[in-house]
Amino acid sequence: MQPHFHFGLHAEHGVVARPTTAITSHLAAWYLEREQFEPVPGRADLFRLTQPDHDLRRRTRQTVHDLRRQGFIVQADLSLDPAQTAPPNAPIHANYAAERLARIARAAAARPPQHRVNASPVASMPVPALGSHSSAARRTR
């Protein structure tokens, strides 16, 4: 089966994508523009990645992955193919939901900092009751 897209490195334009005849040019342009590719001026069949100085390999691998997930057949240079390159090491959470519930339970069981028993009380001056006059106020009259 013929691929729908080819991805590669170009000396002048950085990462480029070229749709094949297996997909209409209008549909190919629609998908590539949503994946941050733009048409190369003067070349109707070639698209380049916008902002090539901003993480171009990761963004291209993500584009290849997204297009394959949509059911397209994509050929890419070895360094741009997510199936050929190892993903970054990420922590594996086998049971994320159980870990999250355990953290929530620990947080709910903990006493909030404002209710700690050994916290020192705030020293304050007693506030006189309304309507009562202090002896100093009586003397000034």
C-alpha atoms as a PDB file:
ATOM      1  CA  MET A   1       0.000   0.000   0.000  1.00  0.00           C
ATOM      2  CA  GLN A   2       1.276   3.455  -0.899  1.00  0.00           C
ATOM      3  CA  PRO A   3       2.106   5.893   1.921  1.00  0.00           C
ATOM      4  CA  HIS A   4       0.098   9.077   2.337  1.00  0.00           C
ATOM      5  CA  PHE A   5       2.957  11.260   3.658  1.00  0.00           C
ATOM      6  CA  HIS A   6       6.764  11.357   3.553  1.00  0.00           C
ATOM      7  CA  PHE A   7       8.692  13.215   6.282  1.00  0.00           C
ATOM      8  CA  GLY A   8      12.357  14.094   6.073  1.00  0.00           C
ATOM      9  CA  LEU A   9      15.107  16.602   6.767  1.00  0.00           C
ATOM     10  CA  HIS A  10      15.839  19.274   4.172  1.00  0.00           C
ATOM     11  CA  ALA A  11      19.043  21.330   4.153  1.00  0.00           C
ATOM     12  CA  GLU A  12      17.242  24.632   3.537  1.00  0.00           C
ATOM     13  CA  HIS A  13      13.774  24.158   5.069  1.00  0.00           C
ATOM     14  CA  GLY A  14      14.452  21.911   8.065  1.00  0.00           C
ATOM     15  CA  VAL A  15      11.788  19.244   8.572  1.00  0.00           C
ATOM     16  CA  VAL A  16       9.571  18.856   5.525  1.00  0.00           C
ATOM     17  CA  ALA A  17       6.503  16.793   4.703  1.00  0.00           C
ATOM     18  CA  ARG A  18       5.396  15.765   1.238  1.00  0.00           C
ATOM     19  CA  PRO A  19       1.947  14.301   0.672  1.00  0.00           C
ATOM     20  CA  THR A  20       1.657  11.616  -1.996  1.00  0.00           C
ATOM     21  CA  THR A  21      -1.040  10.996  -4.572  1.00  0.00           C
ATOM     22  CA  ALA A  22      -2.711   8.576  -2.147  1.00  0.00           C
ATOM     23  CA  ILE A  23      -4.311  11.574  -0.425  1.00  0.00           C
ATOM     24  CA  THR A  24      -5.932  14.667  -1.902  1.00  0.00           C
ATOM     25  CA  SER A  25      -3.858  17.830  -1.691  1.00  0.00           C
ATOM     26  CA  HIS A  26      -6.660  19.688   0.101  1.00  0.00           C
ATOM     27  CA  LEU A  27      -6.972  17.045   2.838  1.00  0.00           C
ATOM     28  CA  ALA A  28      -3.190  16.746   3.204  1.00  0.00           C
ATOM     29  CA  ALA A  29      -2.845  20.515   3.593  1.00  0.00           C
ATOM     30  CA  TRP A  30      -5.641  20.533   6.186  1.00  0.00           C
ATOM     31  CA  TYR A  31      -3.952  17.874   8.339  1.00  0.00           C
ATOM     32  CA  LEU A  32      -0.440  19.282   8.005  1.00  0.00           C
ATOM     33  CA  GLU A  33      -1.473  22.837   8.850  1.00  0.00           C
ATOM     34  CA  ARG A  34      -3.128  21.614  12.034  1.00  0.00           C
ATOM     35  CA  GLU A  35       0.132  19.865  12.911  1.00  0.00           C
ATOM     36  CA  GLN A  36       2.063  23.175  12.591  1.00  0.00           C
ATOM     37  CA  PHE A  37       3.362  22.739   9.035  1.00  0.00           C
ATOM     38  CA  GLU A  38       3.145  25.468   6.425  1.00  0.00           C
ATOM     39  CA  PRO A  39       3.423  25.360   2.625  1.00  0.00           C
ATOM     40  CA  VAL A  40       6.879  26.102   1.247  1.00  0.00           C
ATOM     41  CA  PRO A  41       6.653  29.164  -1.026  1.00  0.00           C
ATOM     42  CA  GLY A  42       7.050  28.173  -4.669  1.00  0.00           C
ATOM     43  CA  ARG A  43       6.634  24.438  -3.927  1.00  0.00           C
ATOM     44  CA  ALA A  44       2.994  23.365  -3.900  1.00  0.00           C
ATOM     45  CA  ASP A  45       3.812  19.786  -2.873  1.00  0.00           C
ATOM     46  CA  LEU A  46       6.106  20.547   0.063  1.00  0.00           C
ATOM     47  CA  PHE A  47       5.342  21.645   3.646  1.00  0.00           C
ATOM     48  CA  ARG A  48       7.822  22.739   6.302  1.00  0.00           C
ATOM     49  CA  LEU A  49       7.567  22.744  10.070  1.00  0.00           C
ATOM     50  CA  THR A  50       6.873  26.166  11.528  1.00  0.00           C
ATOM     51  CA  GLN A  51       9.405  27.447  14.080  1.00  0.00           C
ATOM     52  CA  PRO A  52      12.119  24.895  13.213  1.00  0.00           C
ATOM     53  CA  ASP A  53      14.326  26.058  16.084  1.00  0.00           C
ATOM     54  CA  HIS A  54      11.688  24.996  18.623  1.00  0.00           C
ATOM     55  CA  ASP A  55      12.012  21.246  19.414  1.00  0.00           C
ATOM     56  CA  LEU A  56      11.642  20.109  15.809  1.00  0.00           C
ATOM     57  CA  ARG A  57      12.377  16.396  16.254  1.00  0.00           C
ATOM     58  CA  ARG A  58       9.875  15.898  19.061  1.00  0.00           C
ATOM     59  CA  ARG A  59       7.205  17.868  17.226  1.00  0.00           C
ATOM     60  CA  THR A  60       7.803  15.906  14.013  1.00  0.00           C
ATOM     61  CA  ARG A  61       7.662  12.571  15.824  1.00  0.00           C
ATOM     62  CA  GLN A  62       4.379  13.680  17.397  1.00  0.00           C
ATOM     63  CA  THR A  63       3.005  14.626  13.962  1.00  0.00           C
ATOM     64  CA  VAL A  64       3.991  11.250  12.506  1.00  0.00           C
ATOM     65  CA  HIS A  65       2.379   9.523  15.481  1.00  0.00           C
ATOM     66  CA  ASP A  66      -0.826  11.596  15.184  1.00  0.00           C
ATOM     67  CA  LEU A  67      -1.185  10.939  11.454  1.00  0.00           C
ATOM     68  CA  ARG A  68      -0.656   7.199  11.926  1.00  0.00           C
ATOM     69  CA  ARG A  69      -3.242   7.191  14.693  1.00  0.00           C
ATOM     70  CA  GLN A  70      -5.682   8.754  12.202  1.00  0.00           C
ATOM     71  CA  GLY A  71      -5.083   5.760   9.898  1.00  0.00           C
ATOM     72  CA  PHE A  72      -2.600   7.285   7.440  1.00  0.00           C
ATOM     73  CA  ILE A  73       0.485   5.462   6.219  1.00  0.00           C
ATOM     74  CA  VAL A  74       3.519   7.630   6.920  1.00  0.00           C
ATOM     75  CA  GLN A  75       7.152   7.164   5.931  1.00  0.00           C
ATOM     76  CA  ALA A  76       9.722   9.161   7.875  1.00  0.00           C
ATOM     77  CA  ASP A  77      13.469   9.430   8.197  1.00  0.00           C
ATOM     78  CA  LEU A  78      14.841   7.174  10.894  1.00  0.00           C
ATOM     79  CA  SER A  79      15.456  10.045  13.339  1.00  0.00           C
ATOM     80  CA  LEU A  80      11.910  11.373  12.848  1.00  0.00           C
ATOM     81  CA  ASP A  81      10.036   8.088  13.160  1.00  0.00           C
ATOM     82  CA  PRO A  82       8.586   7.486  16.636  1.00  0.00           C
ATOM     83  CA  ALA A  83       8.402   3.743  15.948  1.00  0.00           C
ATOM     84  CA  GLN A  84      12.178   3.637  15.362  1.00  0.00           C
ATOM     85  CA  THR A  85      13.333   5.960  18.147  1.00  0.00           C
ATOM     86  CA  ALA A  86      13.143   5.142  21.822  1.00  0.00           C
ATOM     87  CA  PRO A  87      10.706   7.236  23.845  1.00  0.00           C
ATOM     88  CA  PRO A  88      12.136   9.232  26.753  1.00  0.00           C
ATOM     89  CA  ASN A  89      12.296   7.386  30.035  1.00  0.00           C
ATOM     90  CA  ALA A  90       9.132   8.157  31.918  1.00  0.00           C
ATOM     91  CA  PRO A  91       8.088   6.800  35.285  1.00  0.00           C
ATOM     92  CA  ILE A  92       5.695   3.914  34.937  1.00  0.00           C
ATOM     93  CA  HIS A  93       2.623   4.079  37.123  1.00  0.00           C
ATOM     94  CA  ALA A  94       1.059   0.643  36.971  1.00  0.00           C
ATOM     95  CA  ASN A  95      -1.833   1.541  39.207  1.00  0.00           C
ATOM     96  CA  TYR A  96      -2.212   5.297  38.964  1.00  0.00           C
ATOM     97  CA  ALA A  97      -5.805   5.366  40.225  1.00  0.00           C
ATOM     98  CA  ALA A  98      -4.977   3.479  43.410  1.00  0.00           C
ATOM     99  CA  GLU A  99      -1.951   5.705  44.086  1.00  0.00           C
ATOM    100  CA  ARG A 100      -4.068   8.824  43.597  1.00  0.00           C
ATOM    101  CA  LEU A 101      -6.767   7.576  45.980  1.00  0.00           C
ATOM    102  CA  ALA A 102      -4.127   6.734  48.591  1.00  0.00           C
ATOM    103  CA  ARG A 103      -2.703  10.276  48.376  1.00  0.00           C
ATOM    104  CA  ILE A 104      -6.179  11.760  48.751  1.00  0.00           C
ATOM    105  CA  ALA A 105      -6.883   9.544  51.777  1.00  0.00           C
ATOM    106  CA  ARG A 106      -3.593  10.559  53.443  1.00  0.00           C
ATOM    107  CA  ALA A 107      -4.367  14.222  52.844  1.00  0.00           C
ATOM    108  CA  ALA A 108      -7.879  13.863  54.251  1.00  0.00           C
ATOM    109  CA  ALA A 109      -6.627  12.064  57.363  1.00  0.00           C
ATOM    110  CA  ALA A 110      -3.920  14.627  58.122  1.00  0.00           C
ATOM    111  CA  ARG A 111      -4.663  17.445  60.535  1.00  0.00           C
ATOM    112  CA  PRO A 112      -4.528  20.829  58.776  1.00  0.00           C
ATOM    113  CA  PRO A 113      -1.724  23.143  59.953  1.00  0.00           C
ATOM    114  CA  GLN A 114      -4.109  25.684  61.506  1.00  0.00           C
ATOM    115  CA  HIS A 115      -5.529  22.996  63.830  1.00  0.00           C
ATOM    116  CA  ARG A 116      -2.306  21.618  65.268  1.00  0.00           C
ATOM    117  CA  VAL A 117      -2.354  20.992  69.008  1.00  0.00           C
ATOM    118  CA  ASN A 118       1.147  22.258  69.747  1.00  0.00           C
ATOM    119  CA  ALA A 119       0.717  25.527  67.865  1.00  0.00           C
ATOM    120  CA  SER A 120       1.292  28.584  70.041  1.00  0.00           C
ATOM    121  CA  PRO A 121      -1.784  30.751  70.479  1.00  0.00           C
ATOM    122  CA  VAL A 122      -1.660  34.260  69.111  1.00  0.00           C
ATOM    123  CA  ALA A 123      -1.108  36.806  71.879  1.00  0.00           C
ATOM    124  CA  SER A 124      -3.674  39.567  71.776  1.00  0.00           C
ATOM    125  CA  MET A 125      -4.912  42.349  73.962  1.00  0.00           C
ATOM    126  CA  PRO A 126      -8.352  41.851  75.486  1.00  0.00           C
ATOM    127  CA  VAL A 127     -10.962  43.888  73.699  1.00  0.00           C
ATOM    128  CA  PRO A 128     -13.248  45.878  76.038  1.00  0.00           C
ATOM    129  CA  ALA A 129     -16.911  45.095  75.762  1.00  0.00           C
ATOM    130  CA  LEU A 130     -19.087  47.590  73.975  1.00  0.00           C
ATOM    131  CA  GLY A 131     -20.726  50.094  76.259  1.00  0.00           C
ATOM    132  CA  SER A 132     -18.215  49.745  79.076  1.00  0.00           C
ATOM    133  CA  HIS A 133     -15.967  52.667  79.793  1.00  0.00           C
ATOM    134  CA  SER A 134     -12.457  52.304  81.008  1.00  0.00           C
ATOM    135  CA  SER A 135     -11.289  54.105  84.132  1.00  0.00           C
ATOM    136  CA  ALA A 136      -8.980  56.289  82.057  1.00  0.00           C
ATOM    137  CA  ALA A 137     -11.911  57.459  79.934  1.00  0.00           C
ATOM    138  CA  ARG A 138     -13.897  58.327  83.065  1.00  0.00           C
ATOM    139  CA  ARG A 139     -11.066  60.377  84.512  1.00  0.00           C
ATOM    140  CA  THR A 140     -10.722  62.572  81.400  1.00  0.00           C
ATOM    141  CA  ARG A 141     -14.264  63.785  81.590  1.00  0.00           C
END
